[in-house]
C-alpha atoms as a PDB file:
ATOM      1  CA  MET A   1     -92.124  -8.180 169.770  1.00  0.00           C
ATOM      2  CA  THR A   2     -92.002  -5.007 171.242  1.00  0.00           C
ATOM      3  CA  THR A   3     -91.126  -1.520 168.379  1.00  0.00           C
ATOM      4  CA  THR A   4     -87.009  -1.688 168.467  1.00  0.00           C
ATOM      5  CA  VAL A   5     -85.001   0.980 167.236  1.00  0.00           C
ATOM      6  CA  TYR A   6     -81.896   1.023 165.747  1.00  0.00           C
ATOM      7  CA  TRP A   7     -79.392   3.272 164.991  1.00  0.00           C
ATOM      8  CA  SER A   8     -77.803   1.306 161.558  1.00  0.00           C
ATOM      9  CA  ALA A   9     -75.354   1.869 158.473  1.00  0.00           C
ATOM     10  CA  ARG A  10     -75.345   0.393 155.093  1.00  0.00           C
ATOM     11  CA  ASP A  11     -72.891   0.306 152.737  1.00  0.00           C
ATOM     12  CA  LEU A  12     -72.903   3.675 150.513  1.00  0.00           C
ATOM     13  CA  ASP A  13     -75.249   3.257 147.369  1.00  0.00           C
ATOM     14  CA  SER A  14     -71.744   3.945 145.041  1.00  0.00           C
ATOM     15  CA  SER A  15     -69.117   2.734 146.848  1.00  0.00           C
ATOM     16  CA  PRO A  16     -68.485  -0.297 149.362  1.00  0.00           C
ATOM     17  CA  PHE A  17     -66.295   1.749 151.666  1.00  0.00           C
ATOM     18  CA  GLY A  18     -68.466   4.585 152.714  1.00  0.00           C
ATOM     19  CA  ASN A  19     -71.484   3.906 155.019  1.00  0.00           C
ATOM     20  CA  HIS A  20     -74.605   5.744 155.234  1.00  0.00           C
ATOM     21  CA  HIS A  21     -76.575   6.406 159.048  1.00  0.00           C
ATOM     22  CA  PHE A  22     -80.322   5.979 159.628  1.00  0.00           C
ATOM     23  CA  ILE A  23     -82.839   5.165 161.687  1.00  0.00           C
ATOM     24  CA  LEU A  24     -84.877   1.571 161.363  1.00  0.00           C
ATOM     25  CA  ILE A  25     -87.790   0.973 163.672  1.00  0.00           C
ATOM     26  CA  LEU A  26     -88.908  -3.115 163.595  1.00  0.00           C
ATOM     27  CA  ILE A  27     -92.749  -2.540 164.783  1.00  0.00           C
ATOM     28  CA  GLY A  28     -94.053  -4.318 166.975  1.00  0.00           C
ATOM     29  CA  GLY A  29     -97.856  -6.089 167.615  1.00  0.00           C
ATOM     30  CA  TYR A  30    -100.898  -3.304 165.068  1.00  0.00           C
ATOM     31  CA  TYR A  31     -99.118  -0.190 165.759  1.00  0.00           C
ATOM     32  CA  GLY A  32     -98.641   1.696 162.720  1.00  0.00           C
ATOM     33  CA  LEU A  33     -96.487   5.386 162.563  1.00  0.00           C
ATOM     34  CA  PRO A  34     -98.370   7.887 161.011  1.00  0.00           C
ATOM     35  CA  PRO A  35     -97.525   9.287 158.617  1.00  0.00           C
ATOM     36  CA  LEU A  36     -95.142   6.836 158.224  1.00  0.00           C
ATOM     37  CA  VAL A  37     -95.943   4.139 155.539  1.00  0.00           C
ATOM     38  CA  THR A  38     -94.664   1.100 156.640  1.00  0.00           C
ATOM     39  CA  LYS A  39     -92.878  -1.561 155.594  1.00  0.00           C
ATOM     40  CA  GLU A  40     -92.940  -5.653 155.265  1.00  0.00           C
ATOM     41  CA  GLU A  41     -90.437  -8.374 155.055  1.00  0.00           C
ATOM     42  CA  GLY A  42     -92.099 -11.567 155.634  1.00  0.00           C
ATOM     43  CA  ALA A  43     -94.083 -10.904 159.103  1.00  0.00           C
ATOM     44  CA  ILE A  44     -91.902  -8.093 159.935  1.00  0.00           C
ATOM     45  CA  ARG A  45     -93.198  -4.764 159.727  1.00  0.00           C
ATOM     46  CA  PHE A  46     -90.217  -1.677 159.565  1.00  0.00           C
ATOM     47  CA  VAL A  47     -89.519   1.886 158.690  1.00  0.00           C
ATOM     48  CA  THR A  48     -86.682   3.491 157.366  1.00  0.00           C
ATOM     49  CA  MET A  49     -85.485   7.534 158.752  1.00  0.00           C
ATOM     50  CA  GLY A  50     -82.472   8.833 157.171  1.00  0.00           C
ATOM     51  CA  GLY A  51     -80.160  12.226 156.034  1.00  0.00           C
ATOM     52  CA  PHE A  52     -80.322  12.464 152.135  1.00  0.00           C
ATOM     53  CA  LYS A  53     -77.677  14.997 150.376  1.00  0.00           C
ATOM     54  CA  VAL A  54     -80.304  16.598 148.125  1.00  0.00           C
ATOM     55  CA  GLY A  55     -79.068  19.252 145.541  1.00  0.00           C
ATOM     56  CA  LYS A  56     -76.800  21.160 148.380  1.00  0.00           C
ATOM     57  CA  ASN A  57     -79.005  20.681 151.578  1.00  0.00           C
ATOM     58  CA  LEU A  58     -79.246  17.605 153.953  1.00  0.00           C
ATOM     59  CA  GLU A  59     -82.720  16.272 153.637  1.00  0.00           C
ATOM     60  CA  TYR A  60     -85.137  13.946 155.261  1.00  0.00           C
ATOM     61  CA  GLN A  61     -85.959  11.367 153.317  1.00  0.00           C
ATOM     62  CA  PRO A  62     -88.464   8.027 154.972  1.00  0.00           C
ATOM     63  CA  ASN A  63     -88.264   4.488 153.724  1.00  0.00           C
ATOM     64  CA  ASN A  64     -85.911   5.742 150.976  1.00  0.00           C
ATOM     65  CA  GLY A  65     -85.231   2.827 148.558  1.00  0.00           C
ATOM     66  CA  SER A  66     -81.637   1.881 149.471  1.00  0.00           C
ATOM     67  CA  ASP A  67     -82.003   1.997 153.236  1.00  0.00           C
ATOM     68  CA  VAL A  68     -85.360  -0.676 152.660  1.00  0.00           C
ATOM     69  CA  TYR A  69     -83.368  -2.793 150.412  1.00  0.00           C
ATOM     70  CA  SER A  70     -81.032  -3.233 153.024  1.00  0.00           C
ATOM     71  CA  VAL A  71     -82.824  -3.752 155.698  1.00  0.00           C
ATOM     72  CA  ARG A  72     -84.859  -6.768 153.781  1.00  0.00           C
ATOM     73  CA  GLU A  73     -81.310  -8.196 152.986  1.00  0.00           C
ATOM     74  CA  LEU A  74     -80.661  -8.362 156.642  1.00  0.00           C
ATOM     75  CA  LEU A  75     -83.966  -9.817 157.441  1.00  0.00           C
ATOM     76  CA  ASN A  76     -84.189 -12.221 154.454  1.00  0.00           C
ATOM     77  CA  PRO A  77     -81.424 -12.810 152.653  1.00  0.00           C
ATOM     78  CA  LYS A  78     -82.284 -15.418 150.287  1.00  0.00           C
ATOM     79  CA  LYS A  79     -84.589 -14.054 149.151  1.00  0.00           C
ATOM     80  CA  ASN A  80     -83.213 -10.041 148.588  1.00  0.00           C
ATOM     81  CA  ARG A  81     -79.468 -10.727 148.531  1.00  0.00           C
ATOM     82  CA  SER A  82     -78.206  -9.162 144.677  1.00  0.00           C
ATOM     83  CA  ASN A  83     -75.180 -10.595 142.909  1.00  0.00           C
ATOM     84  CA  TRP A  84     -74.496  -7.304 142.095  1.00  0.00           C
ATOM     85  CA  GLN A  85     -75.263  -4.241 145.011  1.00  0.00           C
ATOM     86  CA  ASP A  86     -74.914  -6.199 149.037  1.00  0.00           C
ATOM     87  CA  TYR A  87     -75.295  -3.630 151.331  1.00  0.00           C
ATOM     88  CA  ASP A  88     -74.007  -5.288 154.824  1.00  0.00           C
ATOM     89  CA  LEU A  89     -76.384  -2.879 157.195  1.00  0.00           C
ATOM     90  CA  GLU A  90     -75.163  -3.255 160.694  1.00  0.00           C
ATOM     91  CA  ARG A  91     -77.193  -1.519 163.495  1.00  0.00           C
ATOM     92  CA  ASN A  92     -76.946  -0.764 167.004  1.00  0.00           C
ATOM     93  CA  LYS A  93     -79.907  -1.153 169.094  1.00  0.00           C
ATOM     94  CA  ILE A  94     -81.017   1.736 170.909  1.00  0.00           C
ATOM     95  CA  THR A  95     -82.622   1.683 174.393  1.00  0.00           C
ATOM     96  CA  ALA A  96     -85.294   3.202 175.139  1.00  0.00           C
ATOM     97  CA  PRO A  97     -85.453   5.985 177.065  1.00  0.00           C
ATOM     98  CA  GLY A  98     -88.068   6.071 179.596  1.00  0.00           C
ATOM     99  CA  GLY A  99     -88.833   1.599 178.141  1.00  0.00           C
ATOM    100  CA  ASN A 100     -90.949   1.983 175.724  1.00  0.00           C
ATOM    101  CA  GLY A 101     -90.007   1.678 171.962  1.00  0.00           C
ATOM    102  CA  LEU A 102     -93.185   2.582 171.163  1.00  0.00           C
ATOM    103  CA  ALA A 103     -93.670   5.932 172.151  1.00  0.00           C
ATOM    104  CA  PHE A 104     -89.814   6.455 171.680  1.00  0.00           C
ATOM    105  CA  ALA A 105     -90.412   5.367 168.313  1.00  0.00           C
ATOM    106  CA  GLU A 106     -93.097   7.404 167.583  1.00  0.00           C
ATOM    107  CA  LYS A 107     -91.070  10.935 169.058  1.00  0.00           C
ATOM    108  CA  LEU A 108     -88.777   9.916 166.354  1.00  0.00           C
ATOM    109  CA  VAL A 109     -91.015  10.036 163.464  1.00  0.00           C
ATOM    110  CA  GLN A 110     -92.331  13.727 165.305  1.00  0.00           C
ATOM    111  CA  LEU A 111     -88.677  14.835 165.303  1.00  0.00           C
ATOM    112  CA  ALA A 112     -87.897  14.016 161.720  1.00  0.00           C
ATOM    113  CA  GLN A 113     -91.150  15.977 160.501  1.00  0.00           C
ATOM    114  CA  ASN A 114     -90.229  19.127 162.781  1.00  0.00           C
ATOM    115  CA  TYR A 115     -86.793  18.431 160.728  1.00  0.00           C
ATOM    116  CA  LYS A 116     -88.942  18.483 156.966  1.00  0.00           C
ATOM    117  CA  ILE A 117     -90.715  21.117 158.459  1.00  0.00           C
ATOM    118  CA  ASN A 118     -87.870  23.359 159.240  1.00  0.00           C
ATOM    119  CA  SER A 119     -85.199  22.473 156.920  1.00  0.00           C
ATOM    120  CA  ALA A 120     -88.070  23.754 154.615  1.00  0.00           C
ATOM    121  CA  ILE A 121     -87.415  26.864 155.815  1.00  0.00           C
ATOM    122  CA  LYS A 122     -84.048  26.716 157.081  1.00  0.00           C
ATOM    123  CA  PRO A 123     -82.383  24.472 154.259  1.00  0.00           C
ATOM    124  CA  VAL A 124     -79.272  23.005 156.080  1.00  0.00           C
ATOM    125  CA  SER A 125     -76.120  23.175 153.505  1.00  0.00           C
ATOM    126  CA  TYR A 126     -75.056  19.247 153.344  1.00  0.00           C
ATOM    127  CA  ASN A 127     -71.787  18.635 154.109  1.00  0.00           C
ATOM    128  CA  LEU A 128     -70.021  14.465 154.068  1.00  0.00           C
ATOM    129  CA  SER A 129     -67.972  15.515 156.913  1.00  0.00           C
ATOM    130  CA  ASP A 130     -69.923  16.975 159.114  1.00  0.00           C
ATOM    131  CA  TYR A 131     -73.425  17.847 158.136  1.00  0.00           C
ATOM    132  CA  ASN A 132     -74.449  14.460 156.871  1.00  0.00           C
ATOM    133  CA  CYS A 133     -76.706  10.921 157.344  1.00  0.00           C
ATOM    134  CA  SER A 134     -74.782  10.284 160.595  1.00  0.00           C
ATOM    135  CA  CYS A 135     -74.826  13.319 161.328  1.00  0.00           C
ATOM    136  CA  TRP A 136     -78.222  13.730 161.107  1.00  0.00           C
ATOM    137  CA  VAL A 137     -79.540  10.185 163.047  1.00  0.00           C
ATOM    138  CA  ASN A 138     -76.899  11.820 166.515  1.00  0.00           C
ATOM    139  CA  THR A 139     -79.121  15.211 166.435  1.00  0.00           C
ATOM    140  CA  MET A 140     -82.313  12.894 166.307  1.00  0.00           C
ATOM    141  CA  PHE A 141     -81.301  10.528 168.714  1.00  0.00           C
ATOM    142  CA  LYS A 142     -79.894  13.681 171.449  1.00  0.00           C
ATOM    143  CA  VAL A 143     -83.403  15.300 170.960  1.00  0.00           C
ATOM    144  CA  ALA A 144     -84.968  12.302 171.678  1.00  0.00           C
ATOM    145  CA  GLY A 145     -82.660  11.537 174.740  1.00  0.00           C
ATOM    146  CA  VAL A 146     -80.432   9.144 174.053  1.00  0.00           C
ATOM    147  CA  THR A 147     -77.455  10.027 176.453  1.00  0.00           C
ATOM    148  CA  LYS A 148     -73.936  11.095 174.704  1.00  0.00           C
ATOM    149  CA  GLU A 149     -72.152   7.979 175.942  1.00  0.00           C
ATOM    150  CA  VAL A 150     -74.876   5.318 174.004  1.00  0.00           C
ATOM    151  CA  ARG A 151     -75.109   7.892 171.343  1.00  0.00           C
ATOM    152  CA  GLU A 152     -70.557   7.381 171.086  1.00  0.00           C
ATOM    153  CA  LYS A 153     -71.036   3.680 170.680  1.00  0.00           C
ATOM    154  CA  ALA A 154     -73.647   3.083 169.393  1.00  0.00           C
ATOM    155  CA  GLY A 155     -72.816   4.725 165.782  1.00  0.00           C
ATOM    156  CA  GLU A 156     -69.634   3.417 165.271  1.00  0.00           C
ATOM    157  CA  PHE A 157     -69.780   0.687 162.709  1.00  0.00           C
ATOM    158  CA  SER A 158     -67.193  -0.965 160.408  1.00  0.00           C
ATOM    159  CA  GLY A 159     -66.471   0.849 157.624  1.00  0.00           C
ATOM    160  CA  ILE A 160     -66.081   4.733 156.891  1.00  0.00           C
ATOM    161  CA  ASP A 161     -67.891   6.909 159.295  1.00  0.00           C
ATOM    162  CA  TRP A 162     -67.936  10.899 158.946  1.00  0.00           C
ATOM    163  CA  GLY A 163     -69.558  12.513 160.937  1.00  0.00           C
ATOM    164  CA  GLU A 164     -70.897  10.291 163.399  1.00  0.00           C
ATOM    165  CA  GLU A 165     -70.503  12.392 166.649  1.00  0.00           C
ATOM    166  CA  ASP A 166     -70.955  16.143 164.984  1.00  0.00           C
ATOM    167  CA  LEU A 167     -74.504  17.746 165.621  1.00  0.00           C
ATOM    168  CA  LEU A 168     -76.755  19.722 163.854  1.00  0.00           C
ATOM    169  CA  ASP A 169     -78.860  23.059 165.229  1.00  0.00           C
ATOM    170  CA  GLU A 170     -81.367  20.695 167.488  1.00  0.00           C
ATOM    171  CA  ASP A 171     -83.927  23.566 166.601  1.00  0.00           C
ATOM    172  CA  LEU A 172     -84.241  22.087 163.798  1.00  0.00           C
ATOM    173  CA  PHE A 173     -86.329  18.949 165.310  1.00  0.00           C
ATOM    174  CA  LYS A 174     -88.252  20.886 167.444  1.00  0.00           C
ATOM    175  CA  PRO A 175     -91.982  22.439 166.569  1.00  0.00           C
END
């Protein structure tokens, strides 16, 4: 199995009518993605990365509990689907620019770490219609070299999406 990257969306924690966007990386082989802790579901290893509203700001969180649960629900629904919450994860594969999935995943991890450092210095105010989780994912992919055409197609999911074509300041993702 190769390392594969997806633009993913799941139902919001509090409502099935809106989507939360995040990046899902399925990890092939025995590779890790330092400094992230890899999650597992059966024989499949994965990592999630997303932007979240924390207080008034848009902050990066790896392996958020709800994101991880939604991936586990997709990979093993008989074991992981609850009667009270269904996350309805959707995903769109992002072909790695340059063709190397592991190198692409490593680049995304580095960009997320850069965002974490830079947004601590220059906080980004969360805004549901602009600077939100989908905008965060879109900007990550743009800075990583994914074309606008691919991003526009990959950011479309069933349900309500806000800001999936908006962009943050790209310098937030750079060293």
